[in-house]
Amino acid sequence: MGLLDFLGLGNKSESIQEFIEKGAVIIDVRSPGEFAGGHIKGSKNIPLSEIGTKINEIKKQNKPVIACCASGMRSSQATSILKQNGIDAINGGGWQSLQSKL
């Protein structure tokens, strides 16, 4: 595993497609205001500051997670938190870039 993979920034497009095929949910970790300004249809808004308190709720969905934000930095942090809690997660990067890969 390379450094980029560890940070959730490895070969995204192939992994994203694999996650979509597994029925992944998209969690947008931007603020509610940013989310209201535009987001991926069907994505769920859980701000990074709240992700740690929503672990059980996310686990109940029993689905892999694609995290996204504005640039990929917050979603990288969220991906780490999710993985540390046993959730199959990948960093989708910026939401607009992710949307173009879906």
PDB file of N, CA and C in Angstrom:
ATOM      1  N   MET A   1       0.845  -1.182   0.000  1.00  0.00           N
ATOM      2  CA  MET A   1       0.000   0.000   0.000  1.00  0.00           C
ATOM      3  C   MET A   1       0.886   1.238   0.000  1.00  0.00           C
ATOM      4  N   GLY A   2       0.690   2.104  -0.982  1.00  0.00           N
ATOM      5  CA  GLY A   2       1.473   3.320  -1.073  1.00  0.00           C
ATOM      6  C   GLY A   2       0.912   4.423  -0.193  1.00  0.00           C
ATOM      7  N   LEU A   3       1.645   5.499  -0.094  1.00  0.00           N
ATOM      8  CA  LEU A   3       1.220   6.633   0.718  1.00  0.00           C
ATOM      9  C   LEU A   3      -0.117   7.190   0.234  1.00  0.00           C
ATOM     10  N   LEU A   4      -0.276   7.308  -1.086  1.00  0.00           N
ATOM     11  CA  LEU A   4      -1.535   7.841  -1.614  1.00  0.00           C
ATOM     12  C   LEU A   4      -2.705   6.933  -1.268  1.00  0.00           C
ATOM     13  N   ASP A   5      -2.489   5.620  -1.305  1.00  0.00           N
ATOM     14  CA  ASP A   5      -3.549   4.688  -0.923  1.00  0.00           C
ATOM     15  C   ASP A   5      -3.902   4.867   0.547  1.00  0.00           C
ATOM     16  N   PHE A   6      -2.873   5.034   1.381  1.00  0.00           N
ATOM     17  CA  PHE A   6      -3.093   5.211   2.817  1.00  0.00           C
ATOM     18  C   PHE A   6      -3.933   6.457   3.086  1.00  0.00           C
ATOM     19  N   LEU A   7      -3.696   7.498   2.308  1.00  0.00           N
ATOM     20  CA  LEU A   7      -4.434   8.740   2.473  1.00  0.00           C
ATOM     21  C   LEU A   7      -5.792   8.702   1.782  1.00  0.00           C
ATOM     22  N   GLY A   8      -6.079   7.582   1.116  1.00  0.00           N
ATOM     23  CA  GLY A   8      -7.343   7.471   0.402  1.00  0.00           C
ATOM     24  C   GLY A   8      -7.313   8.188  -0.930  1.00  0.00           C
ATOM     25  N   LEU A   9      -6.116   8.399  -1.475  1.00  0.00           N
ATOM     26  CA  LEU A   9      -5.982   9.147  -2.727  1.00  0.00           C
ATOM     27  C   LEU A   9      -5.401   8.298  -3.849  1.00  0.00           C
ATOM     28  N   GLY A  10      -5.454   6.994  -3.717  1.00  0.00           N
ATOM     29  CA  GLY A  10      -4.898   6.095  -4.733  1.00  0.00           C
ATOM     30  C   GLY A  10      -5.710   6.139  -6.010  1.00  0.00           C
ATOM     31  N   ASN A  11      -5.745   5.037  -6.736  1.00  0.00           N
ATOM     32  CA  ASN A  11      -6.466   4.948  -8.004  1.00  0.00           C
ATOM     33  C   ASN A  11      -7.962   5.052  -7.747  1.00  0.00           C
ATOM     34  N   LYS A  12      -8.461   6.296  -7.752  1.00  0.00           N
ATOM     35  CA  LYS A  12      -9.835   6.544  -7.336  1.00  0.00           C
ATOM     36  C   LYS A  12     -10.883   5.992  -8.290  1.00  0.00           C
ATOM     37  N   SER A  13     -10.752   6.246  -9.590  1.00  0.00           N
ATOM     38  CA  SER A  13     -11.848   5.913 -10.496  1.00  0.00           C
ATOM     39  C   SER A  13     -12.201   4.435 -10.474  1.00  0.00           C
ATOM     40  N   GLU A  14     -11.205   3.564 -10.482  1.00  0.00           N
ATOM     41  CA  GLU A  14     -11.500   2.131 -10.430  1.00  0.00           C
ATOM     42  C   GLU A  14     -12.134   1.765  -9.094  1.00  0.00           C
ATOM     43  N   SER A  15     -11.582   2.256  -8.016  1.00  0.00           N
ATOM     44  CA  SER A  15     -12.115   1.938  -6.701  1.00  0.00           C
ATOM     45  C   SER A  15     -13.516   2.505  -6.509  1.00  0.00           C
ATOM     46  N   ILE A  16     -13.752   3.698  -7.007  1.00  0.00           N
ATOM     47  CA  ILE A  16     -15.075   4.303  -6.879  1.00  0.00           C
ATOM     48  C   ILE A  16     -16.107   3.437  -7.592  1.00  0.00           C
ATOM     49  N   GLN A  17     -15.768   2.972  -8.790  1.00  0.00           N
ATOM     50  CA  GLN A  17     -16.702   2.116  -9.521  1.00  0.00           C
ATOM     51  C   GLN A  17     -16.954   0.816  -8.752  1.00  0.00           C
ATOM     52  N   GLU A  18     -15.907   0.268  -8.154  1.00  0.00           N
ATOM     53  CA  GLU A  18     -16.071  -0.952  -7.347  1.00  0.00           C
ATOM     54  C   GLU A  18     -17.000  -0.682  -6.162  1.00  0.00           C
ATOM     55  N   PHE A  19     -16.834   0.459  -5.528  1.00  0.00           N
ATOM     56  CA  PHE A  19     -17.677   0.802  -4.373  1.00  0.00           C
ATOM     57  C   PHE A  19     -19.124   1.012  -4.811  1.00  0.00           C
ATOM     58  N   ILE A  20     -19.333   1.671  -5.944  1.00  0.00           N
ATOM     59  CA  ILE A  20     -20.684   1.892  -6.462  1.00  0.00           C
ATOM     60  C   ILE A  20     -21.349   0.540  -6.741  1.00  0.00           C
ATOM     61  N   GLU A  21     -20.589  -0.374  -7.336  1.00  0.00           N
ATOM     62  CA  GLU A  21     -21.127  -1.704  -7.630  1.00  0.00           C
ATOM     63  C   GLU A  21     -21.504  -2.462  -6.357  1.00  0.00           C
ATOM     64  N   LYS A  22     -20.840  -2.138  -5.256  1.00  0.00           N
ATOM     65  CA  LYS A  22     -21.155  -2.780  -3.966  1.00  0.00           C
ATOM     66  C   LYS A  22     -22.291  -2.059  -3.235  1.00  0.00           C
ATOM     67  N   GLY A  23     -22.886  -1.048  -3.882  1.00  0.00           N
ATOM     68  CA  GLY A  23     -24.018  -0.336  -3.275  1.00  0.00           C
ATOM     69  C   GLY A  23     -23.611   0.739  -2.285  1.00  0.00           C
ATOM     70  N   ALA A  24     -22.450   1.342  -2.480  1.00  0.00           N
ATOM     71  CA  ALA A  24     -21.937   2.348  -1.549  1.00  0.00           C
ATOM     72  C   ALA A  24     -22.867   3.554  -1.409  1.00  0.00           C
ATOM     73  N   VAL A  25     -22.838   4.131  -0.208  1.00  0.00           N
ATOM     74  CA  VAL A  25     -23.522   5.399   0.036  1.00  0.00           C
ATOM     75  C   VAL A  25     -22.475   6.503  -0.043  1.00  0.00           C
ATOM     76  N   ILE A  26     -22.890   7.672  -0.502  1.00  0.00           N
ATOM     77  CA  ILE A  26     -21.979   8.815  -0.600  1.00  0.00           C
ATOM     78  C   ILE A  26     -22.275   9.749   0.560  1.00  0.00           C
ATOM     79  N   ILE A  27     -21.251  10.006   1.357  1.00  0.00           N
ATOM     80  CA  ILE A  27     -21.385  10.931   2.481  1.00  0.00           C
ATOM     81  C   ILE A  27     -20.544  12.166   2.181  1.00  0.00           C
ATOM     82  N   ASP A  28     -21.212  13.312   2.144  1.00  0.00           N
ATOM     83  CA  ASP A  28     -20.579  14.597   1.888  1.00  0.00           C
ATOM     84  C   ASP A  28     -20.282  15.222   3.249  1.00  0.00           C
ATOM     85  N   VAL A  29     -19.005  15.444   3.543  1.00  0.00           N
ATOM     86  CA  VAL A  29     -18.617  15.904   4.880  1.00  0.00           C
ATOM     87  C   VAL A  29     -18.426  17.424   4.968  1.00  0.00           C
ATOM     88  N   ARG A  30     -18.943  18.152   3.983  1.00  0.00           N
ATOM     89  CA  ARG A  30     -18.889  19.623   4.043  1.00  0.00           C
ATOM     90  C   ARG A  30     -19.950  20.146   5.003  1.00  0.00           C
ATOM     91  N   SER A  31     -19.906  21.441   5.258  1.00  0.00           N
ATOM     92  CA  SER A  31     -20.898  22.067   6.142  1.00  0.00           C
ATOM     93  C   SER A  31     -22.274  22.038   5.461  1.00  0.00           C
ATOM     94  N   PRO A  32     -23.349  22.149   6.254  1.00  0.00           N
ATOM     95  CA  PRO A  32     -24.694  22.189   5.651  1.00  0.00           C
ATOM     96  C   PRO A  32     -24.840  23.314   4.619  1.00  0.00           C
ATOM     97  N   GLY A  33     -24.217  24.453   4.871  1.00  0.00           N
ATOM     98  CA  GLY A  33     -24.287  25.568   3.922  1.00  0.00           C
ATOM     99  C   GLY A  33     -23.624  25.235   2.597  1.00  0.00           C
ATOM    100  N   GLU A  34     -22.451  24.613   2.664  1.00  0.00           N
ATOM    101  CA  GLU A  34     -21.757  24.206   1.442  1.00  0.00           C
ATOM    102  C   GLU A  34     -22.592  23.163   0.689  1.00  0.00           C
ATOM    103  N   PHE A  35     -23.142  22.209   1.436  1.00  0.00           N
ATOM    104  CA  PHE A  35     -23.958  21.143   0.852  1.00  0.00           C
ATOM    105  C   PHE A  35     -25.173  21.730   0.136  1.00  0.00           C
ATOM    106  N   ALA A  36     -25.808  22.729   0.769  1.00  0.00           N
ATOM    107  CA  ALA A  36     -26.988  23.368   0.180  1.00  0.00           C
ATOM    108  C   ALA A  36     -26.646  24.080  -1.124  1.00  0.00           C
ATOM    109  N   GLY A  37     -25.388  24.492  -1.272  1.00  0.00           N
ATOM    110  CA  GLY A  37     -24.953  25.186  -2.478  1.00  0.00           C
ATOM    111  C   GLY A  37     -24.730  24.277  -3.667  1.00  0.00           C
ATOM    112  N   GLY A  38     -24.829  22.977  -3.457  1.00  0.00           N
ATOM    113  CA  GLY A  38     -24.647  22.005  -4.528  1.00  0.00           C
ATOM    114  C   GLY A  38     -24.073  20.725  -3.971  1.00  0.00           C
ATOM    115  N   HIS A  39     -24.582  19.595  -4.451  1.00  0.00           N
ATOM    116  CA  HIS A  39     -24.112  18.298  -3.980  1.00  0.00           C
ATOM    117  C   HIS A  39     -24.516  17.203  -4.955  1.00  0.00           C
ATOM    118  N   ILE A  40     -23.988  16.020  -4.738  1.00  0.00           N
ATOM    119  CA  ILE A  40     -24.327  14.866  -5.561  1.00  0.00           C
ATOM    120  C   ILE A  40     -25.713  14.378  -5.159  1.00  0.00           C
ATOM    121  N   LYS A  41     -26.577  14.202  -6.142  1.00  0.00           N
ATOM    122  CA  LYS A  41     -27.938  13.732  -5.885  1.00  0.00           C
ATOM    123  C   LYS A  41     -27.884  12.394  -5.132  1.00  0.00           C
ATOM    124  N   GLY A  42     -28.634  12.328  -4.042  1.00  0.00           N
ATOM    125  CA  GLY A  42     -28.697  11.108  -3.244  1.00  0.00           C
ATOM    126  C   GLY A  42     -27.634  11.006  -2.163  1.00  0.00           C
ATOM    127  N   SER A  43     -26.690  11.955  -2.144  1.00  0.00           N
ATOM    128  CA  SER A  43     -25.655  11.912  -1.104  1.00  0.00           C
ATOM    129  C   SER A  43     -26.233  12.389   0.219  1.00  0.00           C
ATOM    130  N   LYS A  44     -25.578  11.980   1.303  1.00  0.00           N
ATOM    131  CA  LYS A  44     -26.023  12.355   2.642  1.00  0.00           C
ATOM    132  C   LYS A  44     -25.003  13.319   3.230  1.00  0.00           C
ATOM    133  N   ASN A  45     -25.486  14.388   3.847  1.00  0.00           N
ATOM    134  CA  ASN A  45     -24.603  15.385   4.439  1.00  0.00           C
ATOM    135  C   ASN A  45     -24.367  15.091   5.911  1.00  0.00           C
ATOM    136  N   ILE A  46     -23.128  14.714   6.235  1.00  0.00           N
ATOM    137  CA  ILE A  46     -22.705  14.563   7.625  1.00  0.00           C
ATOM    138  C   ILE A  46     -21.386  15.336   7.736  1.00  0.00           C
ATOM    139  N   PRO A  47     -21.420  16.545   8.291  1.00  0.00           N
ATOM    140  CA  PRO A  47     -20.200  17.344   8.391  1.00  0.00           C
ATOM    141  C   PRO A  47     -19.083  16.588   9.120  1.00  0.00           C
ATOM    142  N   LEU A  48     -17.849  16.857   8.702  1.00  0.00           N
ATOM    143  CA  LEU A  48     -16.688  16.189   9.292  1.00  0.00           C
ATOM    144  C   LEU A  48     -16.706  16.273  10.814  1.00  0.00           C
ATOM    145  N   SER A  49     -17.115  17.415  11.350  1.00  0.00           N
ATOM    146  CA  SER A  49     -17.125  17.607  12.804  1.00  0.00           C
ATOM    147  C   SER A  49     -18.103  16.662  13.510  1.00  0.00           C
ATOM    148  N   GLU A  50     -19.058  16.091  12.767  1.00  0.00           N
ATOM    149  CA  GLU A  50     -20.056  15.205  13.359  1.00  0.00           C
ATOM    150  C   GLU A  50     -19.850  13.731  13.015  1.00  0.00           C
ATOM    151  N   ILE A  51     -18.903  13.443  12.125  1.00  0.00           N
ATOM    152  CA  ILE A  51     -18.758  12.069  11.616  1.00  0.00           C
ATOM    153  C   ILE A  51     -18.515  11.060  12.739  1.00  0.00           C
ATOM    154  N   GLY A  52     -17.711  11.454  13.726  1.00  0.00           N
ATOM    155  CA  GLY A  52     -17.413  10.552  14.841  1.00  0.00           C
ATOM    156  C   GLY A  52     -18.625  10.192  15.677  1.00  0.00           C
ATOM    157  N   THR A  53     -19.605  11.078  15.722  1.00  0.00           N
ATOM    158  CA  THR A  53     -20.812  10.820  16.521  1.00  0.00           C
ATOM    159  C   THR A  53     -21.867  10.050  15.733  1.00  0.00           C
ATOM    160  N   LYS A  54     -21.641   9.864  14.440  1.00  0.00           N
ATOM    161  CA  LYS A  54     -22.622   9.187  13.572  1.00  0.00           C
ATOM    162  C   LYS A  54     -22.172   7.783  13.152  1.00  0.00           C
ATOM    163  N   ILE A  55     -21.101   7.274  13.763  1.00  0.00           N
ATOM    164  CA  ILE A  55     -20.549   5.970  13.375  1.00  0.00           C
ATOM    165  C   ILE A  55     -21.604   4.867  13.431  1.00  0.00           C
ATOM    166  N   ASN A  56     -22.340   4.787  14.527  1.00  0.00           N
ATOM    167  CA  ASN A  56     -23.343   3.717  14.651  1.00  0.00           C
ATOM    168  C   ASN A  56     -24.426   3.838  13.588  1.00  0.00           C
ATOM    169  N   GLU A  57     -24.851   5.062  13.318  1.00  0.00           N
ATOM    170  CA  GLU A  57     -25.862   5.307  12.274  1.00  0.00           C
ATOM    171  C   GLU A  57     -25.338   4.851  10.906  1.00  0.00           C
ATOM    172  N   ILE A  58     -24.073   5.147  10.638  1.00  0.00           N
ATOM    173  CA  ILE A  58     -23.461   4.758   9.359  1.00  0.00           C
ATOM    174  C   ILE A  58     -23.314   3.236   9.287  1.00  0.00           C
ATOM    175  N   LYS A  59     -22.894   2.624  10.393  1.00  0.00           N
ATOM    176  CA  LYS A  59     -22.728   1.167  10.426  1.00  0.00           C
ATOM    177  C   LYS A  59     -24.048   0.440  10.185  1.00  0.00           C
ATOM    178  N   LYS A  60     -25.153   0.997  10.679  1.00  0.00           N
ATOM    179  CA  LYS A  60     -26.469   0.366  10.530  1.00  0.00           C
ATOM    180  C   LYS A  60     -26.861   0.214   9.063  1.00  0.00           C
ATOM    181  N   GLN A  61     -26.340   1.076   8.200  1.00  0.00           N
ATOM    182  CA  GLN A  61     -26.660   0.993   6.774  1.00  0.00           C
ATOM    183  C   GLN A  61     -26.010  -0.237   6.139  1.00  0.00           C
ATOM    184  N   ASN A  62     -24.964  -0.756   6.778  1.00  0.00           N
ATOM    185  CA  ASN A  62     -24.269  -1.955   6.323  1.00  0.00           C
ATOM    186  C   ASN A  62     -23.869  -1.854   4.842  1.00  0.00           C
ATOM    187  N   LYS A  63     -23.342  -0.683   4.470  1.00  0.00           N
ATOM    188  CA  LYS A  63     -22.899  -0.448   3.102  1.00  0.00           C
ATOM    189  C   LYS A  63     -21.545   0.250   3.131  1.00  0.00           C
ATOM    190  N   PRO A  64     -20.750   0.055   2.092  1.00  0.00           N
ATOM    191  CA  PRO A  64     -19.498   0.815   2.019  1.00  0.00           C
ATOM    192  C   PRO A  64     -19.801   2.300   1.829  1.00  0.00           C
ATOM    193  N   VAL A  65     -18.822   3.143   2.128  1.00  0.00           N
ATOM    194  CA  VAL A  65     -19.008   4.592   2.086  1.00  0.00           C
ATOM    195  C   VAL A  65     -17.985   5.238   1.157  1.00  0.00           C
ATOM    196  N   ILE A  66     -18.477   6.163   0.342  1.00  0.00           N
ATOM    197  CA  ILE A  66     -17.594   7.045  -0.428  1.00  0.00           C
ATOM    198  C   ILE A  66     -17.745   8.422   0.202  1.00  0.00           C
ATOM    199  N   ALA A  67     -16.660   8.951   0.765  1.00  0.00           N
ATOM    200  CA  ALA A  67     -16.698  10.274   1.392  1.00  0.00           C
ATOM    201  C   ALA A  67     -16.251  11.324   0.379  1.00  0.00           C
ATOM    202  N   CYS A  68     -16.903  12.482   0.408  1.00  0.00           N
ATOM    203  CA  CYS A  68     -16.490  13.577  -0.463  1.00  0.00           C
ATOM    204  C   CYS A  68     -16.626  14.903   0.285  1.00  0.00           C
ATOM    205  N   CYS A  69     -15.974  15.925  -0.251  1.00  0.00           N
ATOM    206  CA  CYS A  69     -16.051  17.267   0.334  1.00  0.00           C
ATOM    207  C   CYS A  69     -15.827  18.266  -0.789  1.00  0.00           C
ATOM    208  N   ALA A  70     -15.120  19.357  -0.531  1.00  0.00           N
ATOM    209  CA  ALA A  70     -14.863  20.341  -1.585  1.00  0.00           C
ATOM    210  C   ALA A  70     -13.604  19.991  -2.371  1.00  0.00           C
ATOM    211  N   SER A  71     -12.540  19.616  -1.664  1.00  0.00           N
ATOM    212  CA  SER A  71     -11.254  19.379  -2.331  1.00  0.00           C
ATOM    213  C   SER A  71     -10.679  17.983  -2.121  1.00  0.00           C
ATOM    214  N   GLY A  72     -11.155  17.270  -1.121  1.00  0.00           N
ATOM    215  CA  GLY A  72     -10.612  15.954  -0.820  1.00  0.00           C
ATOM    216  C   GLY A  72      -9.894  15.886   0.520  1.00  0.00           C
ATOM    217  N   MET A  73      -9.640  17.027   1.134  1.00  0.00           N
ATOM    218  CA  MET A  73      -8.921  17.030   2.411  1.00  0.00           C
ATOM    219  C   MET A  73      -9.808  16.556   3.566  1.00  0.00           C
ATOM    220  N   ARG A  74     -10.997  17.127   3.701  1.00  0.00           N
ATOM    221  CA  ARG A  74     -11.895  16.718   4.787  1.00  0.00           C
ATOM    222  C   ARG A  74     -12.376  15.289   4.584  1.00  0.00           C
ATOM    223  N   SER A  75     -12.625  14.930   3.322  1.00  0.00           N
ATOM    224  CA  SER A  75     -13.089  13.560   3.069  1.00  0.00           C
ATOM    225  C   SER A  75     -11.978  12.550   3.362  1.00  0.00           C
ATOM    226  N   SER A  76     -10.721  12.958   3.222  1.00  0.00           N
ATOM    227  CA  SER A  76      -9.602  12.091   3.593  1.00  0.00           C
ATOM    228  C   SER A  76      -9.617  11.838   5.097  1.00  0.00           C
ATOM    229  N   GLN A  77      -9.845  12.887   5.878  1.00  0.00           N
ATOM    230  CA  GLN A  77      -9.925  12.745   7.335  1.00  0.00           C
ATOM    231  C   GLN A  77     -11.113  11.867   7.709  1.00  0.00           C
ATOM    232  N   ALA A  78     -12.254  12.097   7.053  1.00  0.00           N
ATOM    233  CA  ALA A  78     -13.456  11.311   7.345  1.00  0.00           C
ATOM    234  C   ALA A  78     -13.230   9.837   7.009  1.00  0.00           C
ATOM    235  N   THR A  79     -12.560   9.576   5.878  1.00  0.00           N
ATOM    236  CA  THR A  79     -12.276   8.198   5.472  1.00  0.00           C
ATOM    237  C   THR A  79     -11.434   7.500   6.537  1.00  0.00           C
ATOM    238  N   SER A  80     -10.442   8.187   7.059  1.00  0.00           N
ATOM    239  CA  SER A  80      -9.604   7.612   8.118  1.00  0.00           C
ATOM    240  C   SER A  80     -10.428   7.272   9.351  1.00  0.00           C
ATOM    241  N   ILE A  81     -11.305   8.175   9.758  1.00  0.00           N
ATOM    242  CA  ILE A  81     -12.158   7.951  10.932  1.00  0.00           C
ATOM    243  C   ILE A  81     -13.067   6.747  10.696  1.00  0.00           C
ATOM    244  N   LEU A  82     -13.674   6.682   9.515  1.00  0.00           N
ATOM    245  CA  LEU A  82     -14.579   5.578   9.202  1.00  0.00           C
ATOM    246  C   LEU A  82     -13.835   4.242   9.207  1.00  0.00           C
ATOM    247  N   LYS A  83     -12.662   4.207   8.571  1.00  0.00           N
ATOM    248  CA  LYS A  83     -11.873   2.970   8.520  1.00  0.00           C
ATOM    249  C   LYS A  83     -11.449   2.529   9.923  1.00  0.00           C
ATOM    250  N   GLN A  84     -11.074   3.484  10.768  1.00  0.00           N
ATOM    251  CA  GLN A  84     -10.673   3.164  12.140  1.00  0.00           C
ATOM    252  C   GLN A  84     -11.824   2.539  12.925  1.00  0.00           C
ATOM    253  N   ASN A  85     -13.040   2.794  12.482  1.00  0.00           N
ATOM    254  CA  ASN A  85     -14.225   2.265  13.149  1.00  0.00           C
ATOM    255  C   ASN A  85     -14.817   1.061  12.411  1.00  0.00           C
ATOM    256  N   GLY A  86     -14.015   0.467  11.524  1.00  0.00           N
ATOM    257  CA  GLY A  86     -14.429  -0.762  10.860  1.00  0.00           C
ATOM    258  C   GLY A  86     -15.393  -0.596   9.701  1.00  0.00           C
ATOM    259  N   ILE A  87     -15.479   0.599   9.151  1.00  0.00           N
ATOM    260  CA  ILE A  87     -16.374   0.852   8.016  1.00  0.00           C
ATOM    261  C   ILE A  87     -15.546   0.851   6.735  1.00  0.00           C
ATOM    262  N   ASP A  88     -16.019   0.108   5.728  1.00  0.00           N
ATOM    263  CA  ASP A  88     -15.367   0.051   4.426  1.00  0.00           C
ATOM    264  C   ASP A  88     -15.584   1.398   3.754  1.00  0.00           C
ATOM    265  N   ALA A  89     -14.534   2.207   3.649  1.00  0.00           N
ATOM    266  CA  ALA A  89     -14.679   3.573   3.153  1.00  0.00           C
ATOM    267  C   ALA A  89     -13.554   3.932   2.197  1.00  0.00           C
ATOM    268  N   ILE A  90     -13.873   4.852   1.299  1.00  0.00           N
ATOM    269  CA  ILE A  90     -12.891   5.378   0.356  1.00  0.00           C
ATOM    270  C   ILE A  90     -13.083   6.879   0.253  1.00  0.00           C
ATOM    271  N   ASN A  91     -11.988   7.586  -0.013  1.00  0.00           N
ATOM    272  CA  ASN A  91     -12.043   9.021  -0.211  1.00  0.00           C
ATOM    273  C   ASN A  91     -12.380   9.295  -1.669  1.00  0.00           C
ATOM    274  N   GLY A  92     -13.551   9.862  -1.904  1.00  0.00           N
ATOM    275  CA  GLY A  92     -13.958  10.209  -3.262  1.00  0.00           C
ATOM    276  C   GLY A  92     -13.423  11.548  -3.726  1.00  0.00           C
ATOM    277  N   GLY A  93     -12.807  12.306  -2.811  1.00  0.00           N
ATOM    278  CA  GLY A  93     -12.244  13.610  -3.164  1.00  0.00           C
ATOM    279  C   GLY A  93     -13.303  14.691  -3.217  1.00  0.00           C
ATOM    280  N   GLY A  94     -13.062  15.686  -4.046  1.00  0.00           N
ATOM    281  CA  GLY A  94     -14.010  16.783  -4.216  1.00  0.00           C
ATOM    282  C   GLY A  94     -15.308  16.289  -4.841  1.00  0.00           C
ATOM    283  N   TRP A  95     -16.426  16.818  -4.380  1.00  0.00           N
ATOM    284  CA  TRP A  95     -17.718  16.303  -4.835  1.00  0.00           C
ATOM    285  C   TRP A  95     -17.946  16.496  -6.330  1.00  0.00           C
ATOM    286  N   GLN A  96     -17.477  17.605  -6.888  1.00  0.00           N
ATOM    287  CA  GLN A  96     -17.695  17.842  -8.318  1.00  0.00           C
ATOM    288  C   GLN A  96     -16.866  16.875  -9.158  1.00  0.00           C
ATOM    289  N   SER A  97     -15.651  16.612  -8.727  1.00  0.00           N
ATOM    290  CA  SER A  97     -14.803  15.642  -9.412  1.00  0.00           C
ATOM    291  C   SER A  97     -15.407  14.240  -9.296  1.00  0.00           C
ATOM    292  N   LEU A  98     -15.892  13.913  -8.103  1.00  0.00           N
ATOM    293  CA  LEU A  98     -16.523  12.604  -7.883  1.00  0.00           C
ATOM    294  C   LEU A  98     -17.755  12.457  -8.756  1.00  0.00           C
ATOM    295  N   GLN A  99     -18.555  13.505  -8.833  1.00  0.00           N
ATOM    296  CA  GLN A  99     -19.785  13.446  -9.622  1.00  0.00           C
ATOM    297  C   GLN A  99     -19.487  13.109 -11.090  1.00  0.00           C
ATOM    298  N   SER A 100     -18.368  13.620 -11.597  1.00  0.00           N
ATOM    299  CA  SER A 100     -18.017  13.360 -13.000  1.00  0.00           C
ATOM    300  C   SER A 100     -17.589  11.917 -13.220  1.00  0.00           C
ATOM    301  N   LYS A 101     -17.260  11.193 -12.141  1.00  0.00           N
ATOM    302  CA  LYS A 101     -16.837   9.793 -12.249  1.00  0.00           C
ATOM    303  C   LYS A 101     -17.993   8.814 -12.050  1.00  0.00           C
ATOM    304  N   LEU A 102     -19.148   9.324 -11.644  1.00  0.00           N
ATOM    305  CA  LEU A 102     -20.283   8.442 -11.368  1.00  0.00           C
ATOM    306  C   LEU A 102     -21.089   8.143 -12.627  1.00  0.00           C
TER     307      LEU A 102
END
